[in-house]
Amino acid sequence: MFKGSRKLVEGGFHITPKGFRVVFFISVLMLLVALALVWPNVRKVKLSYDYQALKAEREELLNENRLLSLERETLQSLYRIQVLAKNQVGMIEPKTEQITTIFLK
């Protein structure tokens, strides 16, 4: 142990091709293990961001749905239809002598 560190300090540290392959293999193996440990957390963070974006889009769509429902109710109101019938179409209330009652047996 001390011989290797002494060589490293003195600048005479050389590695053989076989030793380089071993160090390279161990480094790649450690990198793969680190990625395997970190990847699930990265995936969770991405899913969390996706969830937040979908939640915001859902809220926006719900608000739009509420506004459209209110607009539909406004357009279907009987008072509005009566005003449009009188002003735009020219309809008028019938007089009592114009109303005919039909009795069915």
N, C-alpha and C. Protein backbone atom coordinates (compact mmCIF):
# COMPACT_ATOMS: atom_id res chain seq x y z
N MET A 1 0.82 -1.19 0.00
CA MET A 1 0.00 0.00 0.00
C MET A 1 0.87 1.25 0.00
N PHE A 2 1.85 1.26 0.86
CA PHE A 2 2.71 2.44 0.94
C PHE A 2 3.64 2.54 -0.26
N LYS A 3 3.99 1.38 -0.84
CA LYS A 3 4.85 1.42 -2.02
C LYS A 3 4.14 2.10 -3.18
N GLY A 4 2.85 1.77 -3.37
CA GLY A 4 2.09 2.37 -4.46
C GLY A 4 1.91 3.86 -4.27
N SER A 5 1.64 4.26 -3.04
CA SER A 5 1.45 5.69 -2.79
C SER A 5 2.77 6.44 -2.91
N ARG A 6 3.87 5.79 -2.53
CA ARG A 6 5.18 6.42 -2.66
C ARG A 6 5.51 6.61 -4.14
N LYS A 7 5.19 5.60 -4.98
CA LYS A 7 5.43 5.72 -6.42
C LYS A 7 4.57 6.83 -7.02
N LEU A 8 3.33 6.94 -6.55
CA LEU A 8 2.43 7.97 -7.05
C LEU A 8 2.95 9.36 -6.71
N VAL A 9 3.46 9.51 -5.50
CA VAL A 9 4.00 10.80 -5.07
C VAL A 9 5.27 11.13 -5.85
N GLU A 10 6.10 10.15 -6.07
CA GLU A 10 7.36 10.38 -6.78
C GLU A 10 7.14 10.57 -8.28
N GLY A 11 5.96 10.26 -8.78
CA GLY A 11 5.69 10.43 -10.20
C GLY A 11 6.09 9.24 -11.03
N GLY A 12 6.45 8.17 -10.43
CA GLY A 12 6.87 7.00 -11.19
C GLY A 12 5.79 5.95 -11.26
N PHE A 13 4.54 6.33 -11.06
CA PHE A 13 3.44 5.36 -11.06
C PHE A 13 3.02 5.06 -12.49
N HIS A 14 3.16 3.82 -12.88
CA HIS A 14 2.73 3.36 -14.20
C HIS A 14 1.79 2.20 -14.02
N ILE A 15 0.79 2.11 -14.90
CA ILE A 15 -0.18 1.02 -14.81
C ILE A 15 -0.06 0.17 -16.07
N THR A 16 -0.19 -1.11 -15.87
CA THR A 16 -0.11 -2.03 -17.00
C THR A 16 -1.42 -2.02 -17.75
N PRO A 17 -1.43 -2.46 -19.00
CA PRO A 17 -2.70 -2.53 -19.74
C PRO A 17 -3.74 -3.39 -19.05
N LYS A 18 -3.31 -4.49 -18.44
CA LYS A 18 -4.25 -5.35 -17.73
C LYS A 18 -4.82 -4.62 -16.51
N GLY A 19 -3.99 -3.92 -15.80
CA GLY A 19 -4.44 -3.15 -14.64
C GLY A 19 -5.38 -2.02 -15.05
N PHE A 20 -5.07 -1.40 -16.20
CA PHE A 20 -5.95 -0.35 -16.71
C PHE A 20 -7.33 -0.91 -17.03
N ARG A 21 -7.36 -2.10 -17.64
CA ARG A 21 -8.66 -2.71 -17.95
C ARG A 21 -9.45 -3.00 -16.68
N VAL A 22 -8.77 -3.47 -15.65
CA VAL A 22 -9.45 -3.77 -14.39
C VAL A 22 -10.00 -2.49 -13.77
N VAL A 23 -9.20 -1.44 -13.74
CA VAL A 23 -9.65 -0.17 -13.17
C VAL A 23 -10.81 0.39 -14.00
N PHE A 24 -10.70 0.30 -15.33
CA PHE A 24 -11.77 0.78 -16.20
C PHE A 24 -13.05 -0.01 -15.98
N PHE A 25 -12.95 -1.33 -15.89
CA PHE A 25 -14.12 -2.18 -15.66
C PHE A 25 -14.78 -1.86 -14.33
N ILE A 26 -13.98 -1.69 -13.29
CA ILE A 26 -14.53 -1.36 -11.97
C ILE A 26 -15.19 0.02 -12.00
N SER A 27 -14.58 0.97 -12.70
CA SER A 27 -15.18 2.32 -12.81
C SER A 27 -16.52 2.27 -13.52
N VAL A 28 -16.58 1.52 -14.64
CA VAL A 28 -17.84 1.40 -15.37
C VAL A 28 -18.88 0.71 -14.52
N LEU A 29 -18.48 -0.32 -13.79
CA LEU A 29 -19.40 -1.04 -12.92
C LEU A 29 -19.94 -0.12 -11.82
N MET A 30 -19.08 0.69 -11.24
CA MET A 30 -19.53 1.63 -10.20
C MET A 30 -20.47 2.68 -10.79
N LEU A 31 -20.19 3.12 -12.01
CA LEU A 31 -21.06 4.08 -12.67
C LEU A 31 -22.44 3.48 -12.91
N LEU A 32 -22.49 2.23 -13.35
CA LEU A 32 -23.77 1.57 -13.58
C LEU A 32 -24.55 1.38 -12.28
N VAL A 33 -23.86 1.04 -11.22
CA VAL A 33 -24.52 0.88 -9.92
C VAL A 33 -25.07 2.23 -9.44
N ALA A 34 -24.28 3.29 -9.62
CA ALA A 34 -24.75 4.62 -9.22
C ALA A 34 -25.98 5.03 -10.03
N LEU A 35 -25.96 4.76 -11.34
CA LEU A 35 -27.13 5.07 -12.17
C LEU A 35 -28.35 4.25 -11.74
N ALA A 36 -28.12 2.99 -11.40
CA ALA A 36 -29.24 2.15 -10.97
C ALA A 36 -29.85 2.67 -9.67
N LEU A 37 -29.02 3.25 -8.82
CA LEU A 37 -29.54 3.78 -7.55
C LEU A 37 -30.23 5.13 -7.74
N VAL A 38 -29.76 5.94 -8.67
CA VAL A 38 -30.28 7.29 -8.85
C VAL A 38 -31.49 7.31 -9.79
N TRP A 39 -31.54 6.40 -10.76
CA TRP A 39 -32.57 6.45 -11.79
C TRP A 39 -34.01 6.44 -11.25
N PRO A 40 -34.35 5.61 -10.26
CA PRO A 40 -35.74 5.66 -9.75
C PRO A 40 -36.13 7.04 -9.19
N ASN A 41 -35.19 7.72 -8.55
CA ASN A 41 -35.50 9.05 -8.03
C ASN A 41 -35.70 10.05 -9.16
N VAL A 42 -34.90 9.95 -10.21
CA VAL A 42 -35.07 10.83 -11.37
C VAL A 42 -36.44 10.59 -11.99
N ARG A 43 -36.81 9.34 -12.09
CA ARG A 43 -38.12 8.98 -12.66
C ARG A 43 -39.26 9.55 -11.80
N LYS A 44 -39.12 9.46 -10.48
CA LYS A 44 -40.15 10.00 -9.58
C LYS A 44 -40.29 11.51 -9.75
N VAL A 45 -39.18 12.20 -9.88
CA VAL A 45 -39.23 13.66 -10.06
C VAL A 45 -39.93 14.00 -11.36
N LYS A 46 -39.60 13.29 -12.44
CA LYS A 46 -40.25 13.55 -13.73
C LYS A 46 -41.75 13.28 -13.64
N LEU A 47 -42.13 12.18 -13.01
CA LEU A 47 -43.55 11.87 -12.85
C LEU A 47 -44.25 12.92 -12.00
N SER A 48 -43.55 13.44 -11.00
CA SER A 48 -44.14 14.48 -10.16
C SER A 48 -44.40 15.75 -10.96
N TYR A 49 -43.45 16.14 -11.80
CA TYR A 49 -43.65 17.32 -12.66
C TYR A 49 -44.80 17.09 -13.63
N ASP A 50 -44.86 15.90 -14.22
CA ASP A 50 -45.96 15.58 -15.14
C ASP A 50 -47.30 15.64 -14.41
N TYR A 51 -47.34 15.12 -13.19
CA TYR A 51 -48.57 15.13 -12.41
C TYR A 51 -49.02 16.57 -12.12
N GLN A 52 -48.08 17.43 -11.74
CA GLN A 52 -48.42 18.82 -11.45
C GLN A 52 -48.96 19.52 -12.70
N ALA A 53 -48.35 19.25 -13.85
CA ALA A 53 -48.82 19.87 -15.10
C ALA A 53 -50.22 19.39 -15.44
N LEU A 54 -50.47 18.09 -15.28
CA LEU A 54 -51.80 17.55 -15.57
C LEU A 54 -52.84 18.07 -14.58
N LYS A 55 -52.44 18.25 -13.34
CA LYS A 55 -53.35 18.78 -12.33
C LYS A 55 -53.74 20.22 -12.67
N ALA A 56 -52.77 21.02 -13.09
CA ALA A 56 -53.06 22.41 -13.48
C ALA A 56 -53.97 22.44 -14.71
N GLU A 57 -53.70 21.56 -15.67
CA GLU A 57 -54.55 21.50 -16.87
C GLU A 57 -55.97 21.07 -16.52
N ARG A 58 -56.09 20.14 -15.57
CA ARG A 58 -57.42 19.69 -15.13
C ARG A 58 -58.20 20.84 -14.51
N GLU A 59 -57.54 21.60 -13.65
CA GLU A 59 -58.20 22.75 -13.01
C GLU A 59 -58.65 23.77 -14.06
N GLU A 60 -57.80 24.00 -15.04
CA GLU A 60 -58.15 24.94 -16.11
C GLU A 60 -59.36 24.44 -16.89
N LEU A 61 -59.38 23.15 -17.19
CA LEU A 61 -60.51 22.58 -17.92
C LEU A 61 -61.79 22.61 -17.09
N LEU A 62 -61.68 22.37 -15.79
CA LEU A 62 -62.86 22.44 -14.92
C LEU A 62 -63.41 23.86 -14.87
N ASN A 63 -62.53 24.85 -14.80
CA ASN A 63 -62.99 26.25 -14.82
C ASN A 63 -63.68 26.57 -16.13
N GLU A 64 -63.09 26.12 -17.23
CA GLU A 64 -63.71 26.36 -18.53
C GLU A 64 -65.07 25.66 -18.62
N ASN A 65 -65.16 24.46 -18.05
CA ASN A 65 -66.43 23.73 -18.05
C ASN A 65 -67.49 24.49 -17.24
N ARG A 66 -67.10 25.04 -16.10
CA ARG A 66 -68.04 25.83 -15.29
C ARG A 66 -68.54 27.05 -16.06
N LEU A 67 -67.62 27.73 -16.73
CA LEU A 67 -68.01 28.91 -17.51
C LEU A 67 -68.94 28.53 -18.67
N LEU A 68 -68.64 27.43 -19.34
CA LEU A 68 -69.50 27.00 -20.44
C LEU A 68 -70.87 26.56 -19.94
N SER A 69 -70.93 25.92 -18.79
CA SER A 69 -72.23 25.54 -18.22
C SER A 69 -73.04 26.78 -17.87
N LEU A 70 -72.38 27.77 -17.30
CA LEU A 70 -73.08 29.02 -16.97
C LEU A 70 -73.58 29.70 -18.24
N GLU A 71 -72.76 29.71 -19.29
CA GLU A 71 -73.17 30.31 -20.55
C GLU A 71 -74.36 29.56 -21.15
N ARG A 72 -74.33 28.23 -21.07
CA ARG A 72 -75.44 27.43 -21.59
C ARG A 72 -76.73 27.74 -20.83
N GLU A 73 -76.64 27.82 -19.51
CA GLU A 73 -77.82 28.14 -18.70
C GLU A 73 -78.35 29.53 -19.03
N THR A 74 -77.44 30.47 -19.25
CA THR A 74 -77.86 31.82 -19.61
C THR A 74 -78.57 31.83 -20.95
N LEU A 75 -78.00 31.13 -21.92
CA LEU A 75 -78.60 31.10 -23.26
C LEU A 75 -79.94 30.37 -23.27
N GLN A 76 -80.14 29.43 -22.35
CA GLN A 76 -81.38 28.66 -22.32
C GLN A 76 -82.44 29.28 -21.41
N SER A 77 -82.14 30.40 -20.78
CA SER A 77 -83.12 30.98 -19.85
C SER A 77 -84.37 31.41 -20.61
N LEU A 78 -85.52 31.14 -20.01
CA LEU A 78 -86.79 31.45 -20.66
C LEU A 78 -86.99 32.95 -20.85
N TYR A 79 -86.52 33.75 -19.91
CA TYR A 79 -86.65 35.20 -20.04
C TYR A 79 -85.90 35.68 -21.28
N ARG A 80 -84.68 35.20 -21.48
CA ARG A 80 -83.88 35.60 -22.64
C ARG A 80 -84.56 35.17 -23.93
N ILE A 81 -85.09 33.96 -23.96
CA ILE A 81 -85.77 33.47 -25.16
C ILE A 81 -86.99 34.34 -25.46
N GLN A 82 -87.71 34.72 -24.42
CA GLN A 82 -88.90 35.57 -24.61
C GLN A 82 -88.50 36.94 -25.16
N VAL A 83 -87.45 37.54 -24.63
CA VAL A 83 -86.99 38.84 -25.11
C VAL A 83 -86.53 38.74 -26.56
N LEU A 84 -85.80 37.68 -26.91
CA LEU A 84 -85.36 37.50 -28.30
C LEU A 84 -86.55 37.30 -29.23
N ALA A 85 -87.54 36.55 -28.78
CA ALA A 85 -88.72 36.30 -29.62
C ALA A 85 -89.46 37.61 -29.89
N LYS A 86 -89.57 38.46 -28.89
CA LYS A 86 -90.29 39.73 -29.08
C LYS A 86 -89.47 40.71 -29.92
N ASN A 87 -88.19 40.86 -29.62
CA ASN A 87 -87.39 41.91 -30.25
C ASN A 87 -86.85 41.52 -31.63
N GLN A 88 -86.35 40.30 -31.77
CA GLN A 88 -85.71 39.93 -33.03
C GLN A 88 -86.67 39.28 -34.02
N VAL A 89 -87.55 38.43 -33.53
CA VAL A 89 -88.46 37.70 -34.42
C VAL A 89 -89.77 38.45 -34.60
N GLY A 90 -90.12 39.28 -33.64
CA GLY A 90 -91.36 40.05 -33.73
C GLY A 90 -92.58 39.30 -33.21
N MET A 91 -92.39 38.30 -32.40
CA MET A 91 -93.53 37.57 -31.82
C MET A 91 -94.18 38.42 -30.74
N ILE A 92 -95.48 38.24 -30.57
CA ILE A 92 -96.22 38.96 -29.53
C ILE A 92 -97.06 37.97 -28.75
N GLU A 93 -97.48 38.38 -27.57
CA GLU A 93 -98.36 37.54 -26.75
C GLU A 93 -99.73 37.46 -27.44
N PRO A 94 -100.35 36.29 -27.50
CA PRO A 94 -101.68 36.19 -28.14
C PRO A 94 -102.75 36.83 -27.26
N LYS A 95 -103.76 37.39 -27.90
CA LYS A 95 -104.89 37.96 -27.16
C LYS A 95 -105.79 36.81 -26.74
N THR A 96 -106.64 37.05 -25.76
CA THR A 96 -107.49 35.97 -25.25
C THR A 96 -108.44 35.44 -26.31
N GLU A 97 -108.91 36.27 -27.23
CA GLU A 97 -109.82 35.78 -28.27
C GLU A 97 -109.08 34.96 -29.33
N GLN A 98 -107.73 35.04 -29.34
CA GLN A 98 -106.96 34.25 -30.29
C GLN A 98 -106.63 32.86 -29.76
N ILE A 99 -106.86 32.63 -28.49
CA ILE A 99 -106.53 31.34 -27.88
C ILE A 99 -107.71 30.40 -28.02
N THR A 100 -107.46 29.24 -28.55
CA THR A 100 -108.50 28.22 -28.71
C THR A 100 -108.12 27.02 -27.85
N THR A 101 -109.06 26.57 -27.05
CA THR A 101 -108.82 25.41 -26.21
C THR A 101 -109.42 24.19 -26.88
N ILE A 102 -108.66 23.13 -26.97
CA ILE A 102 -109.12 21.89 -27.59
C ILE A 102 -109.16 20.83 -26.50
N PHE A 103 -110.31 20.18 -26.35
CA PHE A 103 -110.46 19.11 -25.37
C PHE A 103 -110.39 17.78 -26.09
N LEU A 104 -109.59 16.90 -25.61
CA LEU A 104 -109.46 15.57 -26.19
C LEU A 104 -110.15 14.56 -25.30
N LYS A 105 -110.82 13.59 -25.93
CA LYS A 105 -111.50 12.55 -25.15
C LYS A 105 -110.57 11.45 -24.78
